[in-house]
Amino acid sequence: MTLTDKIKSIFKHDIQDSASSSKMSAKAVVNGVVIAETDRYEKVEGNVYFPPESLKSDYFKTTETHTACPWKGLASYYTIDIGDGNPLVDAAWYYPEPKPAASNITGYVAFYKNKVQITA
């Protein structure tokens, strides 16, 4: 078992959590507004990661916030603003340059479940 395999097993990430483009879809919604939708996503540690092209880009603004994950790397964040006067600060994150063990989510975006409704 390689180091990458060990890391993936520790954090329970498995390629089987990837969506099949013909069978599954995912949607992210804020107050009834669809902000992302795809039939191709990755699921890691219970979070659905949407490909960047699936985002409705007008609703996303980059922030200066960054956090570090020991196996995925440095995360960057978005504030989501659907124009209702209640922006969701740092409600979405992504890994622009993840570590090798998380290369399958490069640029993909996940959302805090308490701020964004996710169906997958």
C-alpha atoms as a PDB file:
ATOM      1  CA  MET A   1       0.000   0.000   0.000  1.00  0.00           C
ATOM      2  CA  THR A   2       1.393   3.392  -1.008  1.00  0.00           C
ATOM      3  CA  LEU A   3       1.384   6.426   1.258  1.00  0.00           C
ATOM      4  CA  THR A   4      -1.384   7.946  -0.868  1.00  0.00           C
ATOM      5  CA  ASP A   5      -3.480   4.791  -0.440  1.00  0.00           C
ATOM      6  CA  LYS A   6      -2.948   4.904   3.328  1.00  0.00           C
ATOM      7  CA  ILE A   7      -3.993   8.555   3.499  1.00  0.00           C
ATOM      8  CA  LYS A   8      -7.107   7.883   1.438  1.00  0.00           C
ATOM      9  CA  SER A   9      -8.069   4.960   3.653  1.00  0.00           C
ATOM     10  CA  ILE A  10      -7.582   7.004   6.819  1.00  0.00           C
ATOM     11  CA  PHE A  11      -9.917   9.708   5.563  1.00  0.00           C
ATOM     12  CA  LYS A  12     -12.292   7.201   3.967  1.00  0.00           C
ATOM     13  CA  HIS A  13     -12.067   8.690   0.513  1.00  0.00           C
ATOM     14  CA  ASP A  14     -12.642   6.179  -2.220  1.00  0.00           C
ATOM     15  CA  ILE A  15     -12.900   6.627  -5.948  1.00  0.00           C
ATOM     16  CA  GLN A  16     -16.262   4.832  -5.696  1.00  0.00           C
ATOM     17  CA  ASP A  17     -17.602   8.061  -4.219  1.00  0.00           C
ATOM     18  CA  SER A  18     -17.246   9.642  -7.664  1.00  0.00           C
ATOM     19  CA  ALA A  19     -20.476  10.130  -9.568  1.00  0.00           C
ATOM     20  CA  SER A  20     -21.145   8.296 -12.778  1.00  0.00           C
ATOM     21  CA  SER A  21     -22.080  10.878 -15.379  1.00  0.00           C
ATOM     22  CA  SER A  22     -24.953   8.764 -16.618  1.00  0.00           C
ATOM     23  CA  LYS A  23     -26.542   7.859 -13.269  1.00  0.00           C
ATOM     24  CA  MET A  24     -26.213  10.651 -10.705  1.00  0.00           C
ATOM     25  CA  SER A  25     -26.640  14.396 -10.475  1.00  0.00           C
ATOM     26  CA  ALA A  26     -26.048  17.014  -7.808  1.00  0.00           C
ATOM     27  CA  LYS A  27     -27.511  20.424  -7.148  1.00  0.00           C
ATOM     28  CA  ALA A  28     -26.622  23.280  -4.772  1.00  0.00           C
ATOM     29  CA  VAL A  29     -29.433  25.677  -3.825  1.00  0.00           C
ATOM     30  CA  VAL A  30     -29.621  28.858  -1.719  1.00  0.00           C
ATOM     31  CA  ASN A  31     -33.099  30.182  -0.858  1.00  0.00           C
ATOM     32  CA  GLY A  32     -34.599  28.499  -3.909  1.00  0.00           C
ATOM     33  CA  VAL A  33     -31.875  29.716  -6.288  1.00  0.00           C
ATOM     34  CA  VAL A  34     -29.782  27.038  -8.020  1.00  0.00           C
ATOM     35  CA  ILE A  35     -26.134  28.073  -7.714  1.00  0.00           C
ATOM     36  CA  ALA A  36     -24.541  24.876  -9.080  1.00  0.00           C
ATOM     37  CA  GLU A  37     -25.765  21.787 -10.907  1.00  0.00           C
ATOM     38  CA  THR A  38     -23.897  18.847 -12.419  1.00  0.00           C
ATOM     39  CA  ASP A  39     -24.011  15.193 -13.359  1.00  0.00           C
ATOM     40  CA  ARG A  40     -20.290  14.883 -12.652  1.00  0.00           C
ATOM     41  CA  TYR A  41     -19.059  15.398  -9.112  1.00  0.00           C
ATOM     42  CA  GLU A  42     -16.722  13.973  -6.481  1.00  0.00           C
ATOM     43  CA  LYS A  43     -17.741  13.073  -2.947  1.00  0.00           C
ATOM     44  CA  VAL A  44     -15.035  13.317  -0.291  1.00  0.00           C
ATOM     45  CA  GLU A  45     -15.580  12.958   3.455  1.00  0.00           C
ATOM     46  CA  GLY A  46     -19.324  13.376   2.972  1.00  0.00           C
ATOM     47  CA  ASN A  47     -18.989  16.603   0.971  1.00  0.00           C
ATOM     48  CA  VAL A  48     -20.112  16.889  -2.640  1.00  0.00           C
ATOM     49  CA  TYR A  49     -17.483  18.672  -4.763  1.00  0.00           C
ATOM     50  CA  PHE A  50     -18.869  20.362  -7.887  1.00  0.00           C
ATOM     51  CA  PRO A  51     -16.726  20.956 -10.984  1.00  0.00           C
ATOM     52  CA  PRO A  52     -16.001  24.678 -11.467  1.00  0.00           C
ATOM     53  CA  GLU A  53     -17.873  24.840 -14.776  1.00  0.00           C
ATOM     54  CA  SER A  54     -21.079  23.761 -12.985  1.00  0.00           C
ATOM     55  CA  LEU A  55     -21.182  26.936 -10.856  1.00  0.00           C
ATOM     56  CA  LYS A  56     -23.395  29.914 -11.706  1.00  0.00           C
ATOM     57  CA  SER A  57     -20.361  32.204 -11.526  1.00  0.00           C
ATOM     58  CA  ASP A  58     -22.326  35.443 -11.000  1.00  0.00           C
ATOM     59  CA  TYR A  59     -23.150  34.293  -7.463  1.00  0.00           C
ATOM     60  CA  PHE A  60     -19.550  33.600  -6.373  1.00  0.00           C
ATOM     61  CA  LYS A  61     -16.965  36.077  -5.086  1.00  0.00           C
ATOM     62  CA  THR A  62     -13.493  35.004  -3.994  1.00  0.00           C
ATOM     63  CA  THR A  63     -12.428  35.888  -0.462  1.00  0.00           C
ATOM     64  CA  GLU A  64      -9.082  36.166   1.268  1.00  0.00           C
ATOM     65  CA  THR A  65      -9.853  33.200   3.546  1.00  0.00           C
ATOM     66  CA  HIS A  66      -7.638  30.110   3.400  1.00  0.00           C
ATOM     67  CA  THR A  67      -7.495  26.987   5.543  1.00  0.00           C
ATOM     68  CA  ALA A  68      -5.232  23.948   5.480  1.00  0.00           C
ATOM     69  CA  CYS A  69      -6.172  20.286   5.386  1.00  0.00           C
ATOM     70  CA  PRO A  70      -3.388  17.804   6.215  1.00  0.00           C
ATOM     71  CA  TRP A  71      -4.114  15.571   3.224  1.00  0.00           C
ATOM     72  CA  LYS A  72      -5.917  17.835   0.717  1.00  0.00           C
ATOM     73  CA  GLY A  73      -3.785  20.964   1.054  1.00  0.00           C
ATOM     74  CA  LEU A  74      -4.626  24.683   1.113  1.00  0.00           C
ATOM     75  CA  ALA A  75      -8.285  25.597   0.569  1.00  0.00           C
ATOM     76  CA  SER A  76      -9.565  28.889  -0.822  1.00  0.00           C
ATOM     77  CA  TYR A  77     -13.074  30.247  -0.234  1.00  0.00           C
ATOM     78  CA  TYR A  78     -16.008  31.937  -1.937  1.00  0.00           C
ATOM     79  CA  THR A  79     -18.779  34.122  -0.586  1.00  0.00           C
ATOM     80  CA  ILE A  80     -22.114  33.320  -2.213  1.00  0.00           C
ATOM     81  CA  ASP A  81     -24.342  36.291  -3.024  1.00  0.00           C
ATOM     82  CA  ILE A  82     -27.665  35.621  -4.753  1.00  0.00           C
ATOM     83  CA  GLY A  83     -28.696  39.278  -4.443  1.00  0.00           C
ATOM     84  CA  ASP A  84     -31.095  38.890  -1.529  1.00  0.00           C
ATOM     85  CA  GLY A  85     -29.089  41.164   0.787  1.00  0.00           C
ATOM     86  CA  ASN A  86     -27.788  38.208   2.792  1.00  0.00           C
ATOM     87  CA  PRO A  87     -24.411  37.107   1.376  1.00  0.00           C
ATOM     88  CA  LEU A  88     -23.103  33.789   2.697  1.00  0.00           C
ATOM     89  CA  VAL A  89     -19.522  34.599   3.651  1.00  0.00           C
ATOM     90  CA  ASP A  90     -17.002  31.803   3.049  1.00  0.00           C
ATOM     91  CA  ALA A  91     -19.827  29.317   2.380  1.00  0.00           C
ATOM     92  CA  ALA A  92     -17.920  27.460  -0.347  1.00  0.00           C
ATOM     93  CA  TRP A  93     -14.362  26.191  -0.622  1.00  0.00           C
ATOM     94  CA  TYR A  94     -12.062  24.615  -3.171  1.00  0.00           C
ATOM     95  CA  TYR A  95      -8.493  23.387  -3.548  1.00  0.00           C
ATOM     96  CA  PRO A  96      -6.761  25.166  -6.457  1.00  0.00           C
ATOM     97  CA  GLU A  97      -3.595  23.088  -6.039  1.00  0.00           C
ATOM     98  CA  PRO A  98      -4.379  20.100  -3.805  1.00  0.00           C
ATOM     99  CA  LYS A  99      -1.902  17.540  -2.606  1.00  0.00           C
ATOM    100  CA  PRO A 100      -1.555  14.412  -4.792  1.00  0.00           C
ATOM    101  CA  ALA A 101      -3.978  12.369  -2.670  1.00  0.00           C
ATOM    102  CA  ALA A 102      -6.747  14.858  -3.508  1.00  0.00           C
ATOM    103  CA  SER A 103      -5.884  15.591  -7.128  1.00  0.00           C
ATOM    104  CA  ASN A 104      -9.348  14.395  -8.223  1.00  0.00           C
ATOM    105  CA  ILE A 105     -10.910  17.526  -6.666  1.00  0.00           C
ATOM    106  CA  THR A 106      -8.581  20.124  -8.182  1.00  0.00           C
ATOM    107  CA  GLY A 107     -10.674  23.276  -8.535  1.00  0.00           C
ATOM    108  CA  TYR A 108     -13.886  21.506  -7.518  1.00  0.00           C
ATOM    109  CA  VAL A 109     -16.133  23.421  -5.085  1.00  0.00           C
ATOM    110  CA  ALA A 110     -17.849  22.169  -1.912  1.00  0.00           C
ATOM    111  CA  PHE A 111     -20.370  23.952   0.295  1.00  0.00           C
ATOM    112  CA  TYR A 112     -21.136  24.203   3.998  1.00  0.00           C
ATOM    113  CA  LYS A 113     -24.266  22.115   4.452  1.00  0.00           C
ATOM    114  CA  ASN A 114     -25.683  24.494   7.061  1.00  0.00           C
ATOM    115  CA  LYS A 115     -25.600  27.337   4.504  1.00  0.00           C
ATOM    116  CA  VAL A 116     -26.349  25.638   1.171  1.00  0.00           C
ATOM    117  CA  GLN A 117     -28.877  22.901   0.414  1.00  0.00           C
ATOM    118  CA  ILE A 118     -27.153  20.032  -1.421  1.00  0.00           C
ATOM    119  CA  THR A 119     -28.939  17.205  -3.191  1.00  0.00           C
ATOM    120  CA  ALA A 120     -26.988  14.349  -4.750  1.00  0.00           C
END
